[in-house]
């Protein structure tokens, strides 16, 4: 009977351990994404940030970084969508609110680049410096 109780107890804890493991994986994907972003590898970084979100849907920093990647890739609508998702989770983010407002009003616009041109960073605005923070 004791073995049954122990097995039941361990089975009840299994989701907690699985959840904790997925958060650790999300953190790792997020950090790898930051490194790729810093190197200008926005598409590869985007994949890592998406993986971090898959492991933790409340990971507002990853949504924000997805937006930055799309911003650098000149995909304004996708950037706005990702920024909006981040703000749904963490609405008290004044820097991101400012970016979203400026993107919506056209104060901050994403310059187009010819299709054949090599991707170059467009210089994410100076006040977008939160992408290196890891404040959960």
C-alpha atoms as a PDB file:
ATOM      1  CA  UNK A   1       0.000   0.000   0.000  1.00  0.00           C
ATOM      2  CA  UNK A   2       2.911   2.370   0.766  1.00  0.00           C
ATOM      3  CA  UNK A   3       4.337   1.783  -2.710  1.00  0.00           C
ATOM      4  CA  UNK A   4       0.981   2.702  -4.259  1.00  0.00           C
ATOM      5  CA  UNK A   5       0.844   5.934  -2.231  1.00  0.00           C
ATOM      6  CA  UNK A   6       4.429   6.801  -3.194  1.00  0.00           C
ATOM      7  CA  UNK A   7       3.724   6.108  -6.866  1.00  0.00           C
ATOM      8  CA  UNK A   8       0.579   8.230  -6.714  1.00  0.00           C
ATOM      9  CA  UNK A   9       2.484  11.075  -5.037  1.00  0.00           C
ATOM     10  CA  UNK A  10       5.278  10.976  -7.630  1.00  0.00           C
ATOM     11  CA  UNK A  11       2.753  10.864 -10.472  1.00  0.00           C
ATOM     12  CA  UNK A  12       1.067  13.940  -9.017  1.00  0.00           C
ATOM     13  CA  UNK A  13       4.413  15.784  -8.986  1.00  0.00           C
ATOM     14  CA  UNK A  14       5.344  14.849 -12.550  1.00  0.00           C
ATOM     15  CA  UNK A  15       3.635  17.872 -14.181  1.00  0.00           C
ATOM     16  CA  UNK A  16       5.510  20.205 -11.846  1.00  0.00           C
ATOM     17  CA  UNK A  17       8.863  18.729 -12.837  1.00  0.00           C
ATOM     18  CA  UNK A  18       7.922  18.803 -16.512  1.00  0.00           C
ATOM     19  CA  UNK A  19       6.856  22.445 -16.243  1.00  0.00           C
ATOM     20  CA  UNK A  20      10.076  23.403 -14.466  1.00  0.00           C
ATOM     21  CA  UNK A  21      12.119  21.650 -17.134  1.00  0.00           C
ATOM     22  CA  UNK A  22      10.298  23.418 -19.941  1.00  0.00           C
ATOM     23  CA  UNK A  23      10.954  26.796 -18.300  1.00  0.00           C
ATOM     24  CA  UNK A  24      14.653  25.995 -18.098  1.00  0.00           C
ATOM     25  CA  UNK A  25      14.609  25.059 -21.794  1.00  0.00           C
ATOM     26  CA  UNK A  26      12.746  28.287 -22.568  1.00  0.00           C
ATOM     27  CA  UNK A  27      15.386  30.275 -20.698  1.00  0.00           C
ATOM     28  CA  UNK A  28      18.136  28.551 -22.679  1.00  0.00           C
ATOM     29  CA  UNK A  29      16.382  29.224 -25.993  1.00  0.00           C
ATOM     30  CA  UNK A  30      15.893  32.845 -24.970  1.00  0.00           C
ATOM     31  CA  UNK A  31      19.588  33.304 -24.157  1.00  0.00           C
ATOM     32  CA  UNK A  32      20.666  31.689 -27.422  1.00  0.00           C
ATOM     33  CA  UNK A  33      18.195  33.951 -29.219  1.00  0.00           C
ATOM     34  CA  UNK A  34      19.737  37.016 -27.567  1.00  0.00           C
ATOM     35  CA  UNK A  35      23.185  35.986 -28.758  1.00  0.00           C
ATOM     36  CA  UNK A  36      21.941  35.439 -32.298  1.00  0.00           C
ATOM     37  CA  UNK A  37      20.105  38.766 -32.246  1.00  0.00           C
ATOM     38  CA  UNK A  38      23.252  40.572 -31.106  1.00  0.00           C
ATOM     39  CA  UNK A  39      25.099  39.045 -34.079  1.00  0.00           C
ATOM     40  CA  UNK A  40      22.445  40.266 -36.513  1.00  0.00           C
ATOM     41  CA  UNK A  41      21.122  36.769 -37.215  1.00  0.00           C
ATOM     42  CA  UNK A  42      17.490  37.806 -36.833  1.00  0.00           C
ATOM     43  CA  UNK A  43      15.836  34.845 -38.551  1.00  0.00           C
ATOM     44  CA  UNK A  44      17.757  32.324 -36.450  1.00  0.00           C
ATOM     45  CA  UNK A  45      17.059  34.377 -33.312  1.00  0.00           C
ATOM     46  CA  UNK A  46      13.363  34.448 -34.209  1.00  0.00           C
ATOM     47  CA  UNK A  47      13.274  30.653 -34.208  1.00  0.00           C
ATOM     48  CA  UNK A  48      14.846  30.509 -30.753  1.00  0.00           C
ATOM     49  CA  UNK A  49      12.486  33.101 -29.295  1.00  0.00           C
ATOM     50  CA  UNK A  50       9.523  31.186 -30.737  1.00  0.00           C
ATOM     51  CA  UNK A  51      10.830  27.999 -29.108  1.00  0.00           C
ATOM     52  CA  UNK A  52      11.077  29.853 -25.798  1.00  0.00           C
ATOM     53  CA  UNK A  53       7.444  30.922 -26.183  1.00  0.00           C
ATOM     54  CA  UNK A  54       6.396  27.355 -27.009  1.00  0.00           C
ATOM     55  CA  UNK A  55       7.870  26.267 -23.677  1.00  0.00           C
ATOM     56  CA  UNK A  56       6.376  29.161 -21.706  1.00  0.00           C
ATOM     57  CA  UNK A  57       3.454  31.121 -23.138  1.00  0.00           C
ATOM     58  CA  UNK A  58       3.809  33.812 -20.493  1.00  0.00           C
ATOM     59  CA  UNK A  59       7.384  34.656 -21.495  1.00  0.00           C
ATOM     60  CA  UNK A  60       6.766  38.317 -22.321  1.00  0.00           C
ATOM     61  CA  UNK A  61      10.459  38.988 -23.031  1.00  0.00           C
ATOM     62  CA  UNK A  62      10.437  36.428 -25.847  1.00  0.00           C
ATOM     63  CA  UNK A  63       7.365  38.001 -27.420  1.00  0.00           C
ATOM     64  CA  UNK A  64       9.123  41.350 -27.215  1.00  0.00           C
ATOM     65  CA  UNK A  65      12.236  39.933 -28.849  1.00  0.00           C
ATOM     66  CA  UNK A  66      10.136  38.330 -31.583  1.00  0.00           C
ATOM     67  CA  UNK A  67       8.866  41.847 -32.257  1.00  0.00           C
ATOM     68  CA  UNK A  68      12.410  43.219 -32.407  1.00  0.00           C
ATOM     69  CA  UNK A  69      13.405  40.481 -34.845  1.00  0.00           C
ATOM     70  CA  UNK A  70      10.450  41.269 -37.085  1.00  0.00           C
ATOM     71  CA  UNK A  71      11.299  44.958 -36.760  1.00  0.00           C
ATOM     72  CA  UNK A  72      14.818  44.299 -38.014  1.00  0.00           C
ATOM     73  CA  UNK A  73      13.436  42.062 -40.768  1.00  0.00           C
ATOM     74  CA  UNK A  74      11.163  44.974 -41.779  1.00  0.00           C
ATOM     75  CA  UNK A  75       7.899  43.188 -41.046  1.00  0.00           C
ATOM     76  CA  UNK A  76       5.949  45.918 -39.285  1.00  0.00           C
ATOM     77  CA  UNK A  77       2.630  44.065 -38.871  1.00  0.00           C
ATOM     78  CA  UNK A  78       4.300  40.989 -37.399  1.00  0.00           C
ATOM     79  CA  UNK A  79       6.380  43.189 -35.084  1.00  0.00           C
ATOM     80  CA  UNK A  80       3.262  44.990 -33.851  1.00  0.00           C
ATOM     81  CA  UNK A  81       1.487  41.694 -33.254  1.00  0.00           C
ATOM     82  CA  UNK A  82       4.393  40.324 -31.189  1.00  0.00           C
ATOM     83  CA  UNK A  83       4.729  43.566 -29.223  1.00  0.00           C
ATOM     84  CA  UNK A  84       0.991  43.501 -28.499  1.00  0.00           C
ATOM     85  CA  UNK A  85       1.241  39.927 -27.181  1.00  0.00           C
ATOM     86  CA  UNK A  86       4.076  40.987 -24.897  1.00  0.00           C
ATOM     87  CA  UNK A  87       1.991  43.884 -23.588  1.00  0.00           C
ATOM     88  CA  UNK A  88      -0.951  41.574 -22.886  1.00  0.00           C
ATOM     89  CA  UNK A  89       1.281  39.670 -20.484  1.00  0.00           C
ATOM     90  CA  UNK A  90       3.157  42.665 -19.063  1.00  0.00           C
ATOM     91  CA  UNK A  91       1.160  45.826 -19.705  1.00  0.00           C
ATOM     92  CA  UNK A  92       3.413  47.917 -17.471  1.00  0.00           C
ATOM     93  CA  UNK A  93       6.219  48.250 -19.996  1.00  0.00           C
ATOM     94  CA  UNK A  94       6.438  51.955 -20.882  1.00  0.00           C
ATOM     95  CA  UNK A  95       9.266  51.562 -23.399  1.00  0.00           C
ATOM     96  CA  UNK A  96       7.328  48.988 -25.381  1.00  0.00           C
ATOM     97  CA  UNK A  97       4.102  51.004 -25.153  1.00  0.00           C
ATOM     98  CA  UNK A  98       6.024  53.933 -26.674  1.00  0.00           C
ATOM     99  CA  UNK A  99       7.366  51.764 -29.502  1.00  0.00           C
ATOM    100  CA  UNK A 100       3.913  50.368 -30.288  1.00  0.00           C
ATOM    101  CA  UNK A 101       2.362  53.850 -30.271  1.00  0.00           C
ATOM    102  CA  UNK A 102       5.085  55.212 -32.540  1.00  0.00           C
ATOM    103  CA  UNK A 103       4.780  52.286 -34.939  1.00  0.00           C
ATOM    104  CA  UNK A 104       1.005  52.706 -35.101  1.00  0.00           C
ATOM    105  CA  UNK A 105       1.151  56.476 -35.649  1.00  0.00           C
ATOM    106  CA  UNK A 106       4.010  56.310 -38.131  1.00  0.00           C
ATOM    107  CA  UNK A 107       6.382  58.338 -35.943  1.00  0.00           C
ATOM    108  CA  UNK A 108       8.669  55.322 -35.973  1.00  0.00           C
ATOM    109  CA  UNK A 109       8.721  53.685 -39.343  1.00  0.00           C
ATOM    110  CA  UNK A 110      10.596  50.712 -40.651  1.00  0.00           C
ATOM    111  CA  UNK A 111      12.566  51.565 -43.780  1.00  0.00           C
ATOM    112  CA  UNK A 112      12.194  49.218 -46.690  1.00  0.00           C
ATOM    113  CA  UNK A 113      15.172  47.519 -48.242  1.00  0.00           C
ATOM    114  CA  UNK A 114      15.381  46.146 -51.758  1.00  0.00           C
ATOM    115  CA  UNK A 115      14.846  42.401 -51.920  1.00  0.00           C
ATOM    116  CA  UNK A 116      18.285  41.789 -53.392  1.00  0.00           C
ATOM    117  CA  UNK A 117      20.084  43.821 -50.707  1.00  0.00           C
ATOM    118  CA  UNK A 118      21.787  42.068 -47.830  1.00  0.00           C
ATOM    119  CA  UNK A 119      20.068  42.429 -44.482  1.00  0.00           C
ATOM    120  CA  UNK A 120      21.682  45.167 -42.433  1.00  0.00           C
ATOM    121  CA  UNK A 121      20.575  46.232 -38.977  1.00  0.00           C
ATOM    122  CA  UNK A 122      18.442  49.334 -39.220  1.00  0.00           C
ATOM    123  CA  UNK A 123      19.380  50.378 -35.762  1.00  0.00           C
ATOM    124  CA  UNK A 124      16.670  49.400 -33.404  1.00  0.00           C
ATOM    125  CA  UNK A 125      15.831  52.650 -31.600  1.00  0.00           C
ATOM    126  CA  UNK A 126      18.051  53.568 -28.675  1.00  0.00           C
ATOM    127  CA  UNK A 127      15.231  53.209 -26.169  1.00  0.00           C
ATOM    128  CA  UNK A 128      14.851  49.582 -27.198  1.00  0.00           C
ATOM    129  CA  UNK A 129      17.523  48.339 -24.855  1.00  0.00           C
ATOM    130  CA  UNK A 130      15.472  45.929 -22.793  1.00  0.00           C
ATOM    131  CA  UNK A 131      16.235  42.970 -25.034  1.00  0.00           C
ATOM    132  CA  UNK A 132      19.294  42.084 -22.987  1.00  0.00           C
ATOM    133  CA  UNK A 133      17.431  42.133 -19.708  1.00  0.00           C
ATOM    134  CA  UNK A 134      16.240  38.899 -18.250  1.00  0.00           C
ATOM    135  CA  UNK A 135      13.761  39.963 -15.606  1.00  0.00           C
ATOM    136  CA  UNK A 136      11.161  37.300 -15.088  1.00  0.00           C
END
